[in-house]
Amino acid sequence: MVFLVGVWASVRRGFEKLAFSEWLSWWPFWRQEKRLERFIAEADANPKDAAKQSALLAELNKHSPESVIKRFEQRDHAIDSKGVAEYIRALVITNAIAEYLPDEQSGKASSLPALLQELKQRATGNTDEPFMNPGISEKQPLHVVMVIDCVIEYYKYDYNDCVNIQ
């Protein structure tokens, strides 16, 4: 009796797997999800292949533009001009481009020229070179080191006096 129950369970489980997988493969969303998984796997396996990265960004843009922005800004993958176009498309779709536009109320200037300069640099593959004008972007800040050349005599001056003398 136990043997028959075990056989019945395994036959039923096998039939359910076959019927369930065949049934779901007809649904378009299932195919799209599998296609997206395949693009991600191929792109992750080839991070230096700009064509595969661009194909993934184009596919991701159809489903989740936020994912395009996140992946592009990681800077772990090769990017060509098609990838840059997909990034710009994602910025427009999500309205994240507004952060680069001027704001008259707050007086914030446009950082769009800096974004375009960075995108041009990424598209040409010059990611190691710094920006021509450092400090105009949060992604490429201007690093400043300040050195105060002052001798503090403990009985005459404190630090604030030293700073005020300079």
C-alpha atoms as a PDB file:
ATOM      1  CA  MET A   1       0.000   0.000   0.000  1.00  0.00           C
ATOM      2  CA  VAL A   2       2.813   2.427   0.925  1.00  0.00           C
ATOM      3  CA  PHE A   3       4.547   1.545  -2.318  1.00  0.00           C
ATOM      4  CA  LEU A   4       1.475   2.500  -4.378  1.00  0.00           C
ATOM      5  CA  VAL A   5       1.100   5.820  -2.535  1.00  0.00           C
ATOM      6  CA  GLY A   6       4.764   6.628  -3.270  1.00  0.00           C
ATOM      7  CA  VAL A   7       4.378   5.762  -6.944  1.00  0.00           C
ATOM      8  CA  TRP A   8       1.184   7.808  -7.163  1.00  0.00           C
ATOM      9  CA  ALA A   9       2.878  10.836  -5.533  1.00  0.00           C
ATOM     10  CA  SER A  10       5.872  10.730  -7.859  1.00  0.00           C
ATOM     11  CA  VAL A  11       3.688  10.335 -10.966  1.00  0.00           C
ATOM     12  CA  ARG A  12       1.458  13.189  -9.842  1.00  0.00           C
ATOM     13  CA  ARG A  13       4.442  15.431  -9.065  1.00  0.00           C
ATOM     14  CA  GLY A  14       5.994  14.718 -12.474  1.00  0.00           C
ATOM     15  CA  PHE A  15       2.729  15.396 -14.258  1.00  0.00           C
ATOM     16  CA  GLU A  16       2.245  18.675 -12.343  1.00  0.00           C
ATOM     17  CA  LYS A  17       5.744  19.854 -13.266  1.00  0.00           C
ATOM     18  CA  LEU A  18       5.184  19.061 -16.920  1.00  0.00           C
ATOM     19  CA  ALA A  19       1.711  20.592 -17.080  1.00  0.00           C
ATOM     20  CA  PHE A  20       2.647  23.634 -15.018  1.00  0.00           C
ATOM     21  CA  SER A  21       5.770  24.482 -17.018  1.00  0.00           C
ATOM     22  CA  GLU A  22       4.040  24.009 -20.378  1.00  0.00           C
ATOM     23  CA  TRP A  23       1.044  26.024 -19.276  1.00  0.00           C
ATOM     24  CA  LEU A  24       3.084  28.966 -18.018  1.00  0.00           C
ATOM     25  CA  SER A  25       5.342  29.057 -21.060  1.00  0.00           C
ATOM     26  CA  TRP A  26       2.388  30.269 -23.111  1.00  0.00           C
ATOM     27  CA  TRP A  27       1.987  33.409 -20.989  1.00  0.00           C
ATOM     28  CA  PRO A  28       3.837  36.423 -22.451  1.00  0.00           C
ATOM     29  CA  PHE A  29       5.002  37.737 -19.085  1.00  0.00           C
ATOM     30  CA  TRP A  30       6.678  34.422 -18.326  1.00  0.00           C
ATOM     31  CA  ARG A  31       8.600  34.584 -21.582  1.00  0.00           C
ATOM     32  CA  GLN A  32       9.568  38.211 -20.969  1.00  0.00           C
ATOM     33  CA  GLU A  33      10.856  37.366 -17.504  1.00  0.00           C
ATOM     34  CA  LYS A  34      12.934  34.474 -18.852  1.00  0.00           C
ATOM     35  CA  ARG A  35      14.261  36.703 -21.641  1.00  0.00           C
ATOM     36  CA  LEU A  36      15.260  39.371 -19.118  1.00  0.00           C
ATOM     37  CA  GLU A  37      16.971  36.764 -16.926  1.00  0.00           C
ATOM     38  CA  ARG A  38      18.925  35.561 -19.964  1.00  0.00           C
ATOM     39  CA  PHE A  39      20.032  39.119 -20.821  1.00  0.00           C
ATOM     40  CA  ILE A  40      21.151  39.706 -17.227  1.00  0.00           C
ATOM     41  CA  ALA A  41      23.080  36.434 -17.124  1.00  0.00           C
ATOM     42  CA  GLU A  42      24.841  37.167 -20.431  1.00  0.00           C
ATOM     43  CA  ALA A  43      25.689  40.744 -19.427  1.00  0.00           C
ATOM     44  CA  ASP A  44      26.960  39.719 -15.993  1.00  0.00           C
ATOM     45  CA  ALA A  45      29.120  37.019 -17.574  1.00  0.00           C
ATOM     46  CA  ASN A  46      30.654  39.613 -19.944  1.00  0.00           C
ATOM     47  CA  PRO A  47      31.029  42.925 -18.053  1.00  0.00           C
ATOM     48  CA  LYS A  48      33.502  44.298 -20.629  1.00  0.00           C
ATOM     49  CA  ASP A  49      31.243  43.595 -23.632  1.00  0.00           C
ATOM     50  CA  ALA A  50      29.557  46.941 -24.340  1.00  0.00           C
ATOM     51  CA  ALA A  51      27.129  45.459 -26.893  1.00  0.00           C
ATOM     52  CA  LYS A  52      25.722  42.974 -24.345  1.00  0.00           C
ATOM     53  CA  GLN A  53      25.503  45.699 -21.706  1.00  0.00           C
ATOM     54  CA  SER A  54      23.596  47.950 -24.111  1.00  0.00           C
ATOM     55  CA  ALA A  55      21.228  45.137 -25.062  1.00  0.00           C
ATOM     56  CA  LEU A  56      20.524  44.533 -21.383  1.00  0.00           C
ATOM     57  CA  LEU A  57      19.904  48.234 -20.721  1.00  0.00           C
ATOM     58  CA  ALA A  58      17.468  48.370 -23.659  1.00  0.00           C
ATOM     59  CA  GLU A  59      15.579  45.361 -22.296  1.00  0.00           C
ATOM     60  CA  LEU A  60      15.632  46.708 -18.738  1.00  0.00           C
ATOM     61  CA  ASN A  61      14.255  50.029 -19.946  1.00  0.00           C
ATOM     62  CA  LYS A  62      11.101  48.220 -21.071  1.00  0.00           C
ATOM     63  CA  HIS A  63      10.509  46.844 -17.567  1.00  0.00           C
ATOM     64  CA  SER A  64      12.294  49.008 -15.016  1.00  0.00           C
ATOM     65  CA  PRO A  65      14.008  52.265 -16.010  1.00  0.00           C
ATOM     66  CA  GLU A  66      15.156  52.669 -12.401  1.00  0.00           C
ATOM     67  CA  SER A  67      17.220  49.508 -12.842  1.00  0.00           C
ATOM     68  CA  VAL A  68      18.884  51.032 -15.903  1.00  0.00           C
ATOM     69  CA  ILE A  69      19.922  54.091 -13.900  1.00  0.00           C
ATOM     70  CA  LYS A  70      21.193  51.969 -11.020  1.00  0.00           C
ATOM     71  CA  ARG A  71      23.206  49.622 -13.258  1.00  0.00           C
ATOM     72  CA  PHE A  72      24.651  52.458 -15.356  1.00  0.00           C
ATOM     73  CA  GLU A  73      25.754  54.425 -12.300  1.00  0.00           C
ATOM     74  CA  GLN A  74      27.531  51.404 -10.796  1.00  0.00           C
ATOM     75  CA  ARG A  75      30.305  51.923 -13.379  1.00  0.00           C
ATOM     76  CA  ASP A  76      31.175  48.199 -13.279  1.00  0.00           C
ATOM     77  CA  HIS A  77      30.274  47.515 -16.906  1.00  0.00           C
ATOM     78  CA  ALA A  78      31.470  48.668 -20.308  1.00  0.00           C
ATOM     79  CA  ILE A  79      29.226  51.223 -21.989  1.00  0.00           C
ATOM     80  CA  ASP A  80      28.949  52.429 -25.570  1.00  0.00           C
ATOM     81  CA  SER A  81      26.815  55.136 -27.171  1.00  0.00           C
ATOM     82  CA  LYS A  82      23.740  52.871 -27.239  1.00  0.00           C
ATOM     83  CA  GLY A  83      24.070  52.311 -23.503  1.00  0.00           C
ATOM     84  CA  VAL A  84      24.348  56.059 -22.942  1.00  0.00           C
ATOM     85  CA  ALA A  85      21.176  56.583 -25.013  1.00  0.00           C
ATOM     86  CA  GLU A  86      19.336  54.017 -22.867  1.00  0.00           C
ATOM     87  CA  TYR A  87      20.551  55.780 -19.716  1.00  0.00           C
ATOM     88  CA  ILE A  88      19.260  59.129 -20.988  1.00  0.00           C
ATOM     89  CA  ARG A  89      15.956  57.480 -21.926  1.00  0.00           C
ATOM     90  CA  ALA A  90      15.675  56.077 -18.389  1.00  0.00           C
ATOM     91  CA  LEU A  91      16.450  59.497 -16.889  1.00  0.00           C
ATOM     92  CA  VAL A  92      13.645  61.044 -18.946  1.00  0.00           C
ATOM     93  CA  ILE A  93      11.125  58.266 -18.228  1.00  0.00           C
ATOM     94  CA  THR A  94      11.700  58.442 -14.463  1.00  0.00           C
ATOM     95  CA  ASN A  95      11.993  62.257 -14.510  1.00  0.00           C
ATOM     96  CA  ALA A  96      15.394  61.923 -12.828  1.00  0.00           C
ATOM     97  CA  ILE A  97      16.683  64.299 -15.506  1.00  0.00           C
ATOM     98  CA  ALA A  98      15.064  67.101 -13.463  1.00  0.00           C
ATOM     99  CA  GLU A  99      17.918  66.892 -10.963  1.00  0.00           C
ATOM    100  CA  TYR A 100      20.281  68.111 -13.715  1.00  0.00           C
ATOM    101  CA  LEU A 101      18.068  70.967 -14.909  1.00  0.00           C
ATOM    102  CA  PRO A 102      18.218  74.520 -13.534  1.00  0.00           C
ATOM    103  CA  ASP A 103      15.814  75.475 -10.772  1.00  0.00           C
ATOM    104  CA  GLU A 104      14.809  79.131 -10.769  1.00  0.00           C
ATOM    105  CA  GLN A 105      13.175  78.975  -7.326  1.00  0.00           C
ATOM    106  CA  SER A 106      16.276  77.741  -5.523  1.00  0.00           C
ATOM    107  CA  GLY A 107      18.714  79.427  -7.909  1.00  0.00           C
ATOM    108  CA  LYS A 108      20.390  76.118  -8.735  1.00  0.00           C
ATOM    109  CA  ALA A 109      22.315  76.209 -11.995  1.00  0.00           C
ATOM    110  CA  SER A 110      22.044  73.520 -14.623  1.00  0.00           C
ATOM    111  CA  SER A 111      24.405  70.581 -14.241  1.00  0.00           C
ATOM    112  CA  LEU A 112      23.333  69.169 -17.595  1.00  0.00           C
ATOM    113  CA  PRO A 113      26.605  70.183 -19.342  1.00  0.00           C
ATOM    114  CA  ALA A 114      28.576  68.225 -16.734  1.00  0.00           C
ATOM    115  CA  LEU A 115      26.297  65.204 -17.210  1.00  0.00           C
ATOM    116  CA  LEU A 116      26.726  65.341 -20.975  1.00  0.00           C
ATOM    117  CA  GLN A 117      30.490  65.653 -20.609  1.00  0.00           C
ATOM    118  CA  GLU A 118      30.529  62.605 -18.328  1.00  0.00           C
ATOM    119  CA  LEU A 119      28.321  60.613 -20.709  1.00  0.00           C
ATOM    120  CA  LYS A 120      30.557  61.508 -23.653  1.00  0.00           C
ATOM    121  CA  GLN A 121      33.552  60.330 -21.672  1.00  0.00           C
ATOM    122  CA  ARG A 122      31.834  57.050 -20.738  1.00  0.00           C
ATOM    123  CA  ALA A 123      30.718  56.408 -24.333  1.00  0.00           C
ATOM    124  CA  THR A 124      34.267  56.784 -25.632  1.00  0.00           C
ATOM    125  CA  GLY A 125      35.598  54.463 -22.943  1.00  0.00           C
ATOM    126  CA  ASN A 126      37.750  57.055 -21.150  1.00  0.00           C
ATOM    127  CA  THR A 127      36.483  56.218 -17.672  1.00  0.00           C
ATOM    128  CA  ASP A 128      39.938  56.416 -16.094  1.00  0.00           C
ATOM    129  CA  GLU A 129      40.565  60.016 -17.135  1.00  0.00           C
ATOM    130  CA  PRO A 130      39.257  62.654 -14.757  1.00  0.00           C
ATOM    131  CA  PHE A 131      36.879  65.344 -15.914  1.00  0.00           C
ATOM    132  CA  MET A 132      38.342  68.375 -17.606  1.00  0.00           C
ATOM    133  CA  ASN A 133      36.750  70.531 -14.888  1.00  0.00           C
ATOM    134  CA  PRO A 134      36.718  68.675 -11.567  1.00  0.00           C
ATOM    135  CA  GLY A 135      34.304  69.947  -8.974  1.00  0.00           C
ATOM    136  CA  ILE A 136      31.354  70.597 -11.283  1.00  0.00           C
ATOM    137  CA  SER A 137      29.748  67.245 -10.541  1.00  0.00           C
ATOM    138  CA  GLU A 138      28.968  65.326  -7.376  1.00  0.00           C
ATOM    139  CA  LYS A 139      30.329  62.209  -9.052  1.00  0.00           C
ATOM    140  CA  GLN A 140      33.701  63.891  -9.718  1.00  0.00           C
ATOM    141  CA  PRO A 141      34.252  66.248  -6.769  1.00  0.00           C
ATOM    142  CA  LEU A 142      37.109  68.661  -6.372  1.00  0.00           C
ATOM    143  CA  HIS A 143      39.281  67.437  -3.501  1.00  0.00           C
ATOM    144  CA  VAL A 144      40.866  70.191  -1.422  1.00  0.00           C
ATOM    145  CA  VAL A 145      43.476  69.774   1.301  1.00  0.00           C
ATOM    146  CA  MET A 146      43.988  72.699   3.627  1.00  0.00           C
ATOM    147  CA  VAL A 147      47.202  73.053   5.608  1.00  0.00           C
ATOM    148  CA  ILE A 148      47.558  75.647   8.321  1.00  0.00           C
ATOM    149  CA  ASP A 149      51.172  76.538   8.914  1.00  0.00           C
ATOM    150  CA  CYS A 150      51.106  77.889  12.440  1.00  0.00           C
ATOM    151  CA  VAL A 151      53.053  77.123  15.589  1.00  0.00           C
ATOM    152  CA  ILE A 152      50.958  77.186  18.714  1.00  0.00           C
ATOM    153  CA  GLU A 153      52.643  78.255  21.905  1.00  0.00           C
ATOM    154  CA  TYR A 154      50.497  77.003  24.706  1.00  0.00           C
ATOM    155  CA  TYR A 155      51.155  79.871  27.058  1.00  0.00           C
ATOM    156  CA  LYS A 156      50.545  82.670  24.519  1.00  0.00           C
ATOM    157  CA  TYR A 157      48.027  81.517  21.897  1.00  0.00           C
ATOM    158  CA  ASP A 158      45.285  78.991  21.463  1.00  0.00           C
ATOM    159  CA  TYR A 159      44.195  77.524  18.132  1.00  0.00           C
ATOM    160  CA  ASN A 160      41.580  80.229  17.478  1.00  0.00           C
ATOM    161  CA  ASP A 161      44.195  82.953  17.857  1.00  0.00           C
ATOM    162  CA  CYS A 162      46.417  81.139  15.371  1.00  0.00           C
ATOM    163  CA  VAL A 163      43.619  80.974  12.807  1.00  0.00           C
ATOM    164  CA  ASN A 164      42.747  84.634  13.304  1.00  0.00           C
ATOM    165  CA  ILE A 165      46.386  85.690  12.795  1.00  0.00           C
ATOM    166  CA  GLN A 166      46.494  84.039   9.385  1.00  0.00           C
END
